[in-house]
Amino acid sequence: MKAEGWLFAVMTVFFAVTGLIYGFWAREPAGKAILTVAFLMSGLVALFWFIQHQRSGGGRAQDRKDAEIAETAGPVGFFPPRSGYPVLAAAGLAAFALGLVFARWLIVFGALVLALAVFGFIFQYRDHDDGGA
């Protein structure tokens, strides 16, 4: 988690420097806003990874130079075999987007289908045991 934190910290610095340079020379607000949001989002993710590293008491075996491969052996977690919810989410989002162009009723239909897909994503495997990982 330490490596991920440093990766996003470098991205945060990049967006800060780029945003300051762009903000000094540019005359339009959209780029400034985008770079500001990118700076804030990457900073938030970097902060999250650094906090996770501290909470775990020094991190994972991958964060240590003296770690053995056997330390990372064992069950990783549960990976779902298949799901129809990505297709349902894509259909709901497509209907929602088409509704923005053509008809309000299609917006409502797309939002309902998208909500059903998100609900399915969240609760599809809620009772599944992840193997103790």
N, C-alpha and C. Protein backbone atom coordinates (compact mmCIF):
# COMPACT_ATOMS: atom_id res chain seq x y z
N MET A 1 0.82 -1.19 0.00
CA MET A 1 0.00 0.00 0.00
C MET A 1 0.86 1.25 0.00
N LYS A 2 2.09 1.09 0.44
CA LYS A 2 3.00 2.23 0.46
C LYS A 2 3.35 2.66 -0.96
N ALA A 3 3.56 1.70 -1.85
CA ALA A 3 3.90 2.02 -3.23
C ALA A 3 2.76 2.76 -3.92
N GLU A 4 1.53 2.31 -3.67
CA GLU A 4 0.38 2.98 -4.26
C GLU A 4 0.24 4.40 -3.74
N GLY A 5 0.50 4.58 -2.47
CA GLY A 5 0.44 5.92 -1.89
C GLY A 5 1.44 6.86 -2.54
N TRP A 6 2.68 6.38 -2.73
CA TRP A 6 3.68 7.23 -3.38
C TRP A 6 3.34 7.51 -4.84
N LEU A 7 2.76 6.53 -5.52
CA LEU A 7 2.36 6.74 -6.92
C LEU A 7 1.35 7.88 -7.02
N PHE A 8 0.34 7.85 -6.15
CA PHE A 8 -0.67 8.90 -6.20
C PHE A 8 -0.15 10.22 -5.63
N ALA A 9 0.81 10.16 -4.72
CA ALA A 9 1.41 11.40 -4.23
C ALA A 9 2.18 12.11 -5.34
N VAL A 10 2.90 11.34 -6.16
CA VAL A 10 3.61 11.94 -7.30
C VAL A 10 2.61 12.52 -8.30
N MET A 11 1.50 11.81 -8.51
CA MET A 11 0.46 12.34 -9.39
C MET A 11 -0.12 13.64 -8.83
N THR A 12 -0.28 13.71 -7.52
CA THR A 12 -0.80 14.92 -6.88
C THR A 12 0.14 16.09 -7.12
N VAL A 13 1.43 15.86 -6.95
CA VAL A 13 2.41 16.92 -7.19
C VAL A 13 2.39 17.33 -8.66
N PHE A 14 2.30 16.37 -9.56
CA PHE A 14 2.23 16.68 -10.99
C PHE A 14 1.04 17.56 -11.30
N PHE A 15 -0.14 17.18 -10.80
CA PHE A 15 -1.33 17.99 -11.09
C PHE A 15 -1.25 19.36 -10.43
N ALA A 16 -0.61 19.45 -9.27
CA ALA A 16 -0.47 20.76 -8.62
C ALA A 16 0.42 21.67 -9.45
N VAL A 17 1.58 21.16 -9.88
CA VAL A 17 2.50 21.98 -10.68
C VAL A 17 1.87 22.33 -12.03
N THR A 18 1.28 21.35 -12.67
CA THR A 18 0.64 21.59 -13.97
C THR A 18 -0.50 22.60 -13.83
N GLY A 19 -1.29 22.45 -12.78
CA GLY A 19 -2.40 23.37 -12.56
C GLY A 19 -1.95 24.79 -12.30
N LEU A 20 -0.86 24.95 -11.54
CA LEU A 20 -0.34 26.30 -11.29
C LEU A 20 0.20 26.94 -12.56
N ILE A 21 0.94 26.17 -13.34
CA ILE A 21 1.47 26.71 -14.60
C ILE A 21 0.33 27.04 -15.56
N TYR A 22 -0.61 26.11 -15.69
CA TYR A 22 -1.75 26.33 -16.58
C TYR A 22 -2.60 27.51 -16.11
N GLY A 23 -2.81 27.59 -14.80
CA GLY A 23 -3.61 28.68 -14.26
C GLY A 23 -2.98 30.04 -14.47
N PHE A 24 -1.66 30.08 -14.51
CA PHE A 24 -0.96 31.34 -14.71
C PHE A 24 -1.11 31.84 -16.15
N TRP A 25 -1.02 30.92 -17.13
CA TRP A 25 -1.05 31.34 -18.53
C TRP A 25 -2.41 31.22 -19.20
N ALA A 26 -3.26 30.34 -18.77
CA ALA A 26 -4.52 30.09 -19.47
C ALA A 26 -5.55 31.16 -19.12
N ARG A 27 -6.45 31.38 -20.05
CA ARG A 27 -7.50 32.37 -19.86
C ARG A 27 -8.89 31.74 -19.73
N GLU A 28 -8.96 30.41 -19.78
CA GLU A 28 -10.26 29.77 -19.71
C GLU A 28 -10.38 28.96 -18.42
N PRO A 29 -11.58 28.88 -17.85
CA PRO A 29 -11.74 28.26 -16.53
C PRO A 29 -11.89 26.73 -16.54
N ALA A 30 -12.23 26.13 -17.67
CA ALA A 30 -12.50 24.69 -17.67
C ALA A 30 -11.25 23.88 -17.35
N GLY A 31 -10.14 24.21 -17.98
CA GLY A 31 -8.90 23.49 -17.72
C GLY A 31 -8.43 23.66 -16.29
N LYS A 32 -8.61 24.86 -15.77
CA LYS A 32 -8.23 25.11 -14.37
C LYS A 32 -9.06 24.26 -13.43
N ALA A 33 -10.34 24.18 -13.71
CA ALA A 33 -11.23 23.37 -12.87
C ALA A 33 -10.88 21.89 -12.96
N ILE A 34 -10.61 21.41 -14.15
CA ILE A 34 -10.27 20.00 -14.33
C ILE A 34 -8.98 19.66 -13.60
N LEU A 35 -7.97 20.49 -13.74
CA LEU A 35 -6.70 20.23 -13.06
C LEU A 35 -6.84 20.34 -11.54
N THR A 36 -7.68 21.23 -11.08
CA THR A 36 -7.92 21.34 -9.64
C THR A 36 -8.60 20.09 -9.11
N VAL A 37 -9.60 19.61 -9.82
CA VAL A 37 -10.30 18.39 -9.40
C VAL A 37 -9.36 17.19 -9.46
N ALA A 38 -8.53 17.11 -10.51
CA ALA A 38 -7.57 16.01 -10.61
C ALA A 38 -6.57 16.04 -9.46
N PHE A 39 -6.13 17.24 -9.08
CA PHE A 39 -5.23 17.40 -7.94
C PHE A 39 -5.89 16.92 -6.66
N LEU A 40 -7.12 17.35 -6.43
CA LEU A 40 -7.82 16.97 -5.20
C LEU A 40 -8.12 15.47 -5.15
N MET A 41 -8.53 14.90 -6.27
CA MET A 41 -8.86 13.48 -6.28
C MET A 41 -7.62 12.62 -6.08
N SER A 42 -6.52 12.94 -6.75
CA SER A 42 -5.31 12.14 -6.57
C SER A 42 -4.75 12.32 -5.16
N GLY A 43 -4.88 13.51 -4.61
CA GLY A 43 -4.46 13.72 -3.23
C GLY A 43 -5.28 12.91 -2.25
N LEU A 44 -6.58 12.81 -2.50
CA LEU A 44 -7.45 12.02 -1.63
C LEU A 44 -7.09 10.54 -1.70
N VAL A 45 -6.82 10.04 -2.89
CA VAL A 45 -6.46 8.63 -3.03
C VAL A 45 -5.11 8.36 -2.39
N ALA A 46 -4.15 9.28 -2.56
CA ALA A 46 -2.84 9.11 -1.90
C ALA A 46 -2.99 9.09 -0.39
N LEU A 47 -3.79 9.98 0.14
CA LEU A 47 -4.03 10.01 1.58
C LEU A 47 -4.67 8.71 2.05
N PHE A 48 -5.62 8.19 1.30
CA PHE A 48 -6.26 6.92 1.64
C PHE A 48 -5.23 5.80 1.72
N TRP A 49 -4.34 5.69 0.71
CA TRP A 49 -3.35 4.61 0.71
C TRP A 49 -2.36 4.75 1.85
N PHE A 50 -1.94 5.98 2.17
CA PHE A 50 -1.02 6.16 3.28
C PHE A 50 -1.68 5.82 4.62
N ILE A 51 -2.95 6.17 4.78
CA ILE A 51 -3.66 5.81 6.01
C ILE A 51 -3.83 4.30 6.10
N GLN A 52 -4.15 3.64 5.00
CA GLN A 52 -4.28 2.19 5.01
C GLN A 52 -2.95 1.53 5.36
N HIS A 53 -1.86 2.09 4.88
CA HIS A 53 -0.53 1.55 5.20
C HIS A 53 -0.27 1.67 6.70
N GLN A 54 -0.62 2.80 7.30
CA GLN A 54 -0.41 2.99 8.73
C GLN A 54 -1.31 2.07 9.55
N ARG A 55 -2.55 1.89 9.13
CA ARG A 55 -3.49 1.04 9.86
C ARG A 55 -3.07 -0.42 9.85
N SER A 56 -2.45 -0.85 8.77
CA SER A 56 -2.08 -2.26 8.67
C SER A 56 -0.79 -2.57 9.42
N GLY A 57 -0.20 -1.58 10.06
CA GLY A 57 0.98 -1.82 10.87
C GLY A 57 2.23 -2.05 10.07
N GLY A 58 2.40 -1.37 8.99
CA GLY A 58 3.62 -1.52 8.19
C GLY A 58 3.38 -2.09 6.82
N GLY A 59 2.18 -2.48 6.55
CA GLY A 59 1.87 -2.87 5.19
C GLY A 59 1.92 -4.36 4.92
N ARG A 60 1.90 -4.65 3.65
CA ARG A 60 1.88 -6.02 3.17
C ARG A 60 3.30 -6.54 3.01
N ALA A 61 3.39 -7.80 2.68
CA ALA A 61 4.71 -8.38 2.43
C ALA A 61 5.36 -7.73 1.20
N GLN A 62 4.56 -7.28 0.24
CA GLN A 62 5.11 -6.65 -0.96
C GLN A 62 5.80 -5.32 -0.64
N ASP A 63 5.50 -4.73 0.50
CA ASP A 63 6.10 -3.46 0.87
C ASP A 63 7.47 -3.61 1.53
N ARG A 64 7.83 -4.84 1.90
CA ARG A 64 9.11 -5.07 2.56
C ARG A 64 10.12 -5.66 1.58
N LYS A 65 11.37 -5.26 1.68
CA LYS A 65 12.41 -5.77 0.80
C LYS A 65 12.85 -7.18 1.19
N ASP A 66 12.69 -7.56 2.47
CA ASP A 66 13.13 -8.87 2.94
C ASP A 66 12.01 -9.92 2.93
N ALA A 67 10.90 -9.65 2.28
CA ALA A 67 9.76 -10.56 2.28
C ALA A 67 10.03 -11.78 1.41
N GLU A 68 9.46 -12.90 1.83
CA GLU A 68 9.54 -14.14 1.06
C GLU A 68 8.26 -14.32 0.25
N ILE A 69 8.36 -15.04 -0.84
CA ILE A 69 7.19 -15.29 -1.69
C ILE A 69 6.12 -16.07 -0.93
N ALA A 70 6.54 -16.98 -0.07
CA ALA A 70 5.60 -17.81 0.67
C ALA A 70 4.71 -17.00 1.61
N GLU A 71 5.15 -15.80 1.99
CA GLU A 71 4.34 -14.97 2.88
C GLU A 71 3.05 -14.50 2.23
N THR A 72 3.02 -14.46 0.93
CA THR A 72 1.82 -13.99 0.22
C THR A 72 0.97 -15.13 -0.30
N ALA A 73 1.33 -16.38 0.05
CA ALA A 73 0.56 -17.54 -0.42
C ALA A 73 -0.74 -17.64 0.35
N GLY A 74 -1.69 -18.32 -0.24
CA GLY A 74 -2.98 -18.53 0.41
C GLY A 74 -4.10 -17.95 -0.41
N PRO A 75 -5.32 -18.06 0.11
CA PRO A 75 -6.47 -17.54 -0.64
C PRO A 75 -6.41 -16.01 -0.73
N VAL A 76 -6.65 -15.52 -1.92
CA VAL A 76 -6.62 -14.09 -2.15
C VAL A 76 -7.97 -13.48 -1.85
N GLY A 77 -9.01 -14.17 -2.23
CA GLY A 77 -10.35 -13.65 -2.03
C GLY A 77 -11.31 -14.31 -2.99
N PHE A 78 -12.48 -13.76 -3.07
CA PHE A 78 -13.52 -14.31 -3.94
C PHE A 78 -13.64 -13.48 -5.19
N PHE A 79 -13.60 -14.12 -6.34
CA PHE A 79 -13.79 -13.46 -7.62
C PHE A 79 -15.01 -14.07 -8.28
N PRO A 80 -16.06 -13.28 -8.52
CA PRO A 80 -17.30 -13.84 -9.05
C PRO A 80 -17.09 -14.43 -10.45
N PRO A 81 -17.70 -15.59 -10.69
CA PRO A 81 -17.50 -16.26 -11.97
C PRO A 81 -18.16 -15.56 -13.15
N ARG A 82 -19.36 -15.06 -12.95
CA ARG A 82 -20.06 -14.38 -14.04
C ARG A 82 -21.19 -13.53 -13.44
N SER A 83 -21.58 -12.55 -14.23
CA SER A 83 -22.65 -11.68 -13.76
C SER A 83 -23.30 -11.01 -14.97
N GLY A 84 -24.59 -10.87 -14.89
CA GLY A 84 -25.33 -10.18 -15.95
C GLY A 84 -25.51 -8.70 -15.67
N TYR A 85 -25.10 -8.27 -14.49
CA TYR A 85 -25.33 -6.89 -14.10
C TYR A 85 -24.52 -5.85 -14.88
N PRO A 86 -23.32 -6.16 -15.36
CA PRO A 86 -22.65 -5.15 -16.20
C PRO A 86 -23.43 -4.82 -17.48
N VAL A 87 -24.03 -5.82 -18.08
CA VAL A 87 -24.83 -5.59 -19.29
C VAL A 87 -26.07 -4.78 -18.94
N LEU A 88 -26.68 -5.09 -17.80
CA LEU A 88 -27.86 -4.34 -17.36
C LEU A 88 -27.51 -2.90 -17.05
N ALA A 89 -26.35 -2.68 -16.42
CA ALA A 89 -25.90 -1.32 -16.12
C ALA A 89 -25.63 -0.54 -17.41
N ALA A 90 -25.03 -1.19 -18.38
CA ALA A 90 -24.76 -0.53 -19.66
C ALA A 90 -26.06 -0.17 -20.37
N ALA A 91 -27.04 -1.06 -20.33
CA ALA A 91 -28.33 -0.78 -20.96
C ALA A 91 -29.04 0.36 -20.25
N GLY A 92 -28.99 0.37 -18.92
CA GLY A 92 -29.62 1.46 -18.17
C GLY A 92 -28.97 2.80 -18.43
N LEU A 93 -27.64 2.81 -18.50
CA LEU A 93 -26.93 4.05 -18.77
C LEU A 93 -27.20 4.54 -20.20
N ALA A 94 -27.26 3.60 -21.14
CA ALA A 94 -27.56 3.98 -22.53
C ALA A 94 -28.98 4.55 -22.64
N ALA A 95 -29.93 3.92 -21.97
CA ALA A 95 -31.31 4.43 -22.00
C ALA A 95 -31.38 5.80 -21.34
N PHE A 96 -30.66 5.98 -20.23
CA PHE A 96 -30.64 7.27 -19.55
C PHE A 96 -30.06 8.35 -20.46
N ALA A 97 -28.95 8.05 -21.13
CA ALA A 97 -28.32 9.03 -22.03
C ALA A 97 -29.22 9.35 -23.21
N LEU A 98 -29.87 8.34 -23.77
CA LEU A 98 -30.79 8.60 -24.87
C LEU A 98 -31.99 9.42 -24.40
N GLY A 99 -32.39 9.21 -23.16
CA GLY A 99 -33.49 9.99 -22.61
C GLY A 99 -33.13 11.46 -22.47
N LEU A 100 -31.87 11.76 -22.20
CA LEU A 100 -31.45 13.16 -22.14
C LEU A 100 -31.63 13.86 -23.48
N VAL A 101 -31.54 13.09 -24.55
CA VAL A 101 -31.66 13.67 -25.89
C VAL A 101 -33.10 13.64 -26.38
N PHE A 102 -33.82 12.53 -26.16
CA PHE A 102 -35.09 12.34 -26.82
C PHE A 102 -36.34 12.52 -25.96
N ALA A 103 -36.39 11.90 -24.78
CA ALA A 103 -37.65 11.92 -24.02
C ALA A 103 -37.39 11.77 -22.53
N ARG A 104 -38.21 12.46 -21.74
CA ARG A 104 -38.05 12.40 -20.29
C ARG A 104 -38.41 11.03 -19.72
N TRP A 105 -39.38 10.36 -20.31
CA TRP A 105 -39.78 9.06 -19.79
C TRP A 105 -38.64 8.06 -19.92
N LEU A 106 -37.80 8.24 -20.92
CA LEU A 106 -36.66 7.35 -21.11
C LEU A 106 -35.59 7.58 -20.04
N ILE A 107 -35.50 8.81 -19.55
CA ILE A 107 -34.59 9.11 -18.44
C ILE A 107 -35.03 8.32 -17.20
N VAL A 108 -36.31 8.34 -16.92
CA VAL A 108 -36.83 7.63 -15.75
C VAL A 108 -36.61 6.13 -15.91
N PHE A 109 -36.91 5.61 -17.08
CA PHE A 109 -36.71 4.18 -17.34
C PHE A 109 -35.24 3.80 -17.19
N GLY A 110 -34.35 4.58 -17.78
CA GLY A 110 -32.92 4.30 -17.69
C GLY A 110 -32.41 4.38 -16.27
N ALA A 111 -32.90 5.36 -15.49
CA ALA A 111 -32.48 5.49 -14.10
C ALA A 111 -32.94 4.29 -13.28
N LEU A 112 -34.15 3.80 -13.54
CA LEU A 112 -34.64 2.63 -12.82
C LEU A 112 -33.84 1.38 -13.16
N VAL A 113 -33.55 1.19 -14.44
CA VAL A 113 -32.74 0.04 -14.85
C VAL A 113 -31.33 0.14 -14.26
N LEU A 114 -30.76 1.32 -14.29
CA LEU A 114 -29.43 1.52 -13.73
C LEU A 114 -29.43 1.29 -12.22
N ALA A 115 -30.46 1.75 -11.53
CA ALA A 115 -30.56 1.52 -10.08
C ALA A 115 -30.68 0.03 -9.78
N LEU A 116 -31.45 -0.69 -10.58
CA LEU A 116 -31.57 -2.14 -10.40
C LEU A 116 -30.22 -2.81 -10.61
N ALA A 117 -29.47 -2.38 -11.61
CA ALA A 117 -28.15 -2.97 -11.87
C ALA A 117 -27.18 -2.69 -10.73
N VAL A 118 -27.17 -1.48 -10.21
CA VAL A 118 -26.28 -1.15 -9.09
C VAL A 118 -26.68 -1.95 -7.85
N PHE A 119 -27.97 -2.06 -7.59
CA PHE A 119 -28.46 -2.87 -6.48
C PHE A 119 -28.00 -4.32 -6.65
N GLY A 120 -28.10 -4.83 -7.86
CA GLY A 120 -27.64 -6.20 -8.12
C GLY A 120 -26.15 -6.37 -7.93
N PHE A 121 -25.37 -5.40 -8.39
CA PHE A 121 -23.92 -5.44 -8.18
C PHE A 121 -23.59 -5.52 -6.69
N ILE A 122 -24.26 -4.72 -5.90
CA ILE A 122 -23.94 -4.63 -4.48
C ILE A 122 -24.34 -5.90 -3.74
N PHE A 123 -25.51 -6.43 -4.01
CA PHE A 123 -26.03 -7.53 -3.21
C PHE A 123 -25.98 -8.89 -3.89
N GLN A 124 -25.32 -9.01 -5.03
CA GLN A 124 -25.29 -10.27 -5.75
C GLN A 124 -24.62 -11.38 -4.94
N TYR A 125 -23.51 -11.09 -4.30
CA TYR A 125 -22.76 -12.11 -3.56
C TYR A 125 -22.63 -11.73 -2.09
N ARG A 126 -23.63 -11.12 -1.53
CA ARG A 126 -23.52 -10.65 -0.15
C ARG A 126 -23.40 -11.79 0.86
N ASP A 127 -23.94 -12.96 0.56
CA ASP A 127 -23.89 -14.08 1.49
C ASP A 127 -22.72 -15.02 1.20
N HIS A 128 -21.86 -14.65 0.29
CA HIS A 128 -20.75 -15.53 -0.09
C HIS A 128 -19.59 -15.40 0.89
N ASP A 129 -19.02 -16.54 1.29
CA ASP A 129 -17.84 -16.54 2.14
C ASP A 129 -16.62 -16.40 1.23
N ASP A 130 -15.72 -15.48 1.56
CA ASP A 130 -14.57 -15.21 0.69
C ASP A 130 -13.39 -16.13 0.95
N GLY A 131 -13.56 -17.19 1.71
CA GLY A 131 -12.49 -18.14 1.93
C GLY A 131 -11.55 -17.75 3.06
N GLY A 132 -11.95 -16.81 3.88
CA GLY A 132 -11.12 -16.43 5.01
C GLY A 132 -10.05 -15.42 4.70
N ALA A 133 -10.08 -14.83 3.53
CA ALA A 133 -9.05 -13.85 3.17
C ALA A 133 -9.37 -12.50 3.74
